[in-house]
Amino acid sequence: MVFTLDDTDEPGNLFVSVDLDVPPSMSADNLRPIATDIARLVKKTEIAQRISTLSITNSGTASPKIRTRLSDKSYREHPWNGTPSEEAEQSIWKITETG
């Protein structure tokens, strides 16, 4: 599921949240490779220039009271094209919590 919201901190830009269903993934860290693949695909779209934050979470695990998500709060500034390396891209993701 994908949600888009207007970014109140950056008028005209979007906060995009992708909610995945990946039951075997037990932590946000396990989502880094797939989040990176999603970031690369989204970067190729026209709307990518308006995305200020891209956020990925997993609803496929048992529902904890607090869900973790991976976020890139500077999505527009990152190339998401495999440079300088896949490991460097995966380290961009910051783990945040949602209620």
Protein backbone atom coordinates (compact mmCIF):
# COMPACT_ATOMS: atom_id res chain seq x y z
CA MET A 1 0.00 0.00 0.00
CA VAL A 2 1.30 3.48 -0.81
CA PHE A 3 0.26 6.67 0.96
CA THR A 4 1.13 10.18 -0.13
CA LEU A 5 0.70 13.28 2.00
CA ASP A 6 1.54 16.91 1.41
CA ASP A 7 4.72 17.74 3.30
CA THR A 8 3.74 20.57 5.63
CA ASP A 9 7.42 21.46 6.16
CA GLU A 10 7.99 21.75 2.40
CA PRO A 11 4.86 23.03 0.63
CA GLY A 12 4.44 21.55 -2.84
CA ASN A 13 6.37 18.43 -1.89
CA LEU A 14 5.25 14.99 -0.78
CA PHE A 15 5.81 12.53 2.03
CA VAL A 16 5.47 9.04 0.55
CA SER A 17 4.97 5.98 2.74
CA VAL A 18 5.13 2.43 1.37
CA ASP A 19 3.60 -0.26 3.58
CA LEU A 20 4.82 -3.72 2.59
CA ASP A 21 3.60 -7.19 3.51
CA VAL A 22 6.82 -9.20 3.97
CA PRO A 23 6.12 -11.80 6.68
CA PRO A 24 9.65 -13.31 6.83
CA SER A 25 11.21 -9.90 7.53
CA MET A 26 11.42 -9.50 11.29
CA SER A 27 13.04 -6.07 11.52
CA ALA A 28 13.38 -2.78 9.71
CA ASP A 29 17.04 -3.61 9.01
CA ASN A 30 15.93 -6.66 7.02
CA LEU A 31 13.94 -4.33 4.74
CA ARG A 32 16.97 -2.28 3.65
CA PRO A 33 17.57 -4.19 0.36
CA ILE A 34 13.92 -4.04 -0.76
CA ALA A 35 13.57 -0.41 0.42
CA THR A 36 16.62 0.43 -1.67
CA ASP A 37 15.09 -1.30 -4.72
CA ILE A 38 11.87 0.69 -4.21
CA ALA A 39 13.79 3.97 -3.83
CA ARG A 40 15.60 3.28 -7.11
CA LEU A 41 12.35 2.51 -8.97
CA VAL A 42 10.54 5.56 -7.59
CA LYS A 43 13.51 7.79 -8.48
CA LYS A 44 12.89 7.01 -12.16
CA THR A 45 9.37 8.49 -12.04
CA GLU A 46 8.32 12.06 -12.74
CA ILE A 47 6.95 12.53 -9.22
CA ALA A 48 10.35 11.75 -7.63
CA GLN A 49 11.35 15.43 -7.87
CA ARG A 50 8.51 16.29 -5.46
CA ILE A 51 9.23 13.61 -2.83
CA SER A 52 10.91 15.05 0.24
CA THR A 53 10.63 11.88 2.37
CA LEU A 54 10.30 8.24 1.35
CA SER A 55 9.33 5.87 4.14
CA ILE A 56 9.07 2.07 4.10
CA THR A 57 7.42 -0.13 6.73
CA ASN A 58 6.33 -3.77 6.97
CA SER A 59 2.83 -4.70 8.06
CA GLY A 60 3.45 -8.38 7.33
CA THR A 61 5.02 -9.11 10.72
CA ALA A 62 3.10 -9.68 13.94
CA SER A 63 1.70 -6.31 14.95
CA PRO A 64 3.87 -4.80 17.68
CA LYS A 65 2.62 -1.83 19.71
CA ILE A 66 5.25 0.33 18.04
CA ARG A 67 6.04 -0.30 14.37
CA THR A 68 9.44 0.60 12.95
CA ARG A 69 10.01 2.09 9.54
CA LEU A 70 12.90 3.03 7.31
CA SER A 71 12.95 6.66 6.21
CA ASP A 72 14.99 8.80 3.87
CA LYS A 73 14.12 12.36 4.85
CA SER A 74 16.34 13.74 2.07
CA TYR A 75 15.07 11.56 -0.74
CA ARG A 76 15.36 14.24 -3.45
CA GLU A 77 19.03 14.84 -2.65
CA HIS A 78 20.07 11.18 -2.92
CA PRO A 79 20.70 9.77 -6.41
CA TRP A 80 19.38 6.24 -5.69
CA ASN A 81 21.20 4.91 -8.72
CA GLY A 82 23.70 2.49 -7.15
CA THR A 83 26.37 5.09 -6.46
CA PRO A 84 28.67 5.12 -4.65
CA SER A 85 27.66 1.56 -3.67
CA GLU A 86 24.66 -0.53 -2.66
CA GLU A 87 25.99 -0.64 0.90
CA ALA A 88 26.20 3.15 1.02
CA GLU A 89 22.63 3.44 -0.25
CA GLN A 90 21.36 0.99 2.36
CA SER A 91 23.05 3.02 5.10
CA ILE A 92 21.00 6.11 4.10
CA TRP A 93 17.87 4.60 5.67
CA LYS A 94 17.17 5.76 9.21
CA ILE A 95 15.00 3.66 11.50
CA THR A 96 12.10 5.56 13.05
CA GLU A 97 9.12 4.44 15.10
CA THR A 98 5.41 4.96 14.52
CA GLY A 99 2.54 4.40 16.88
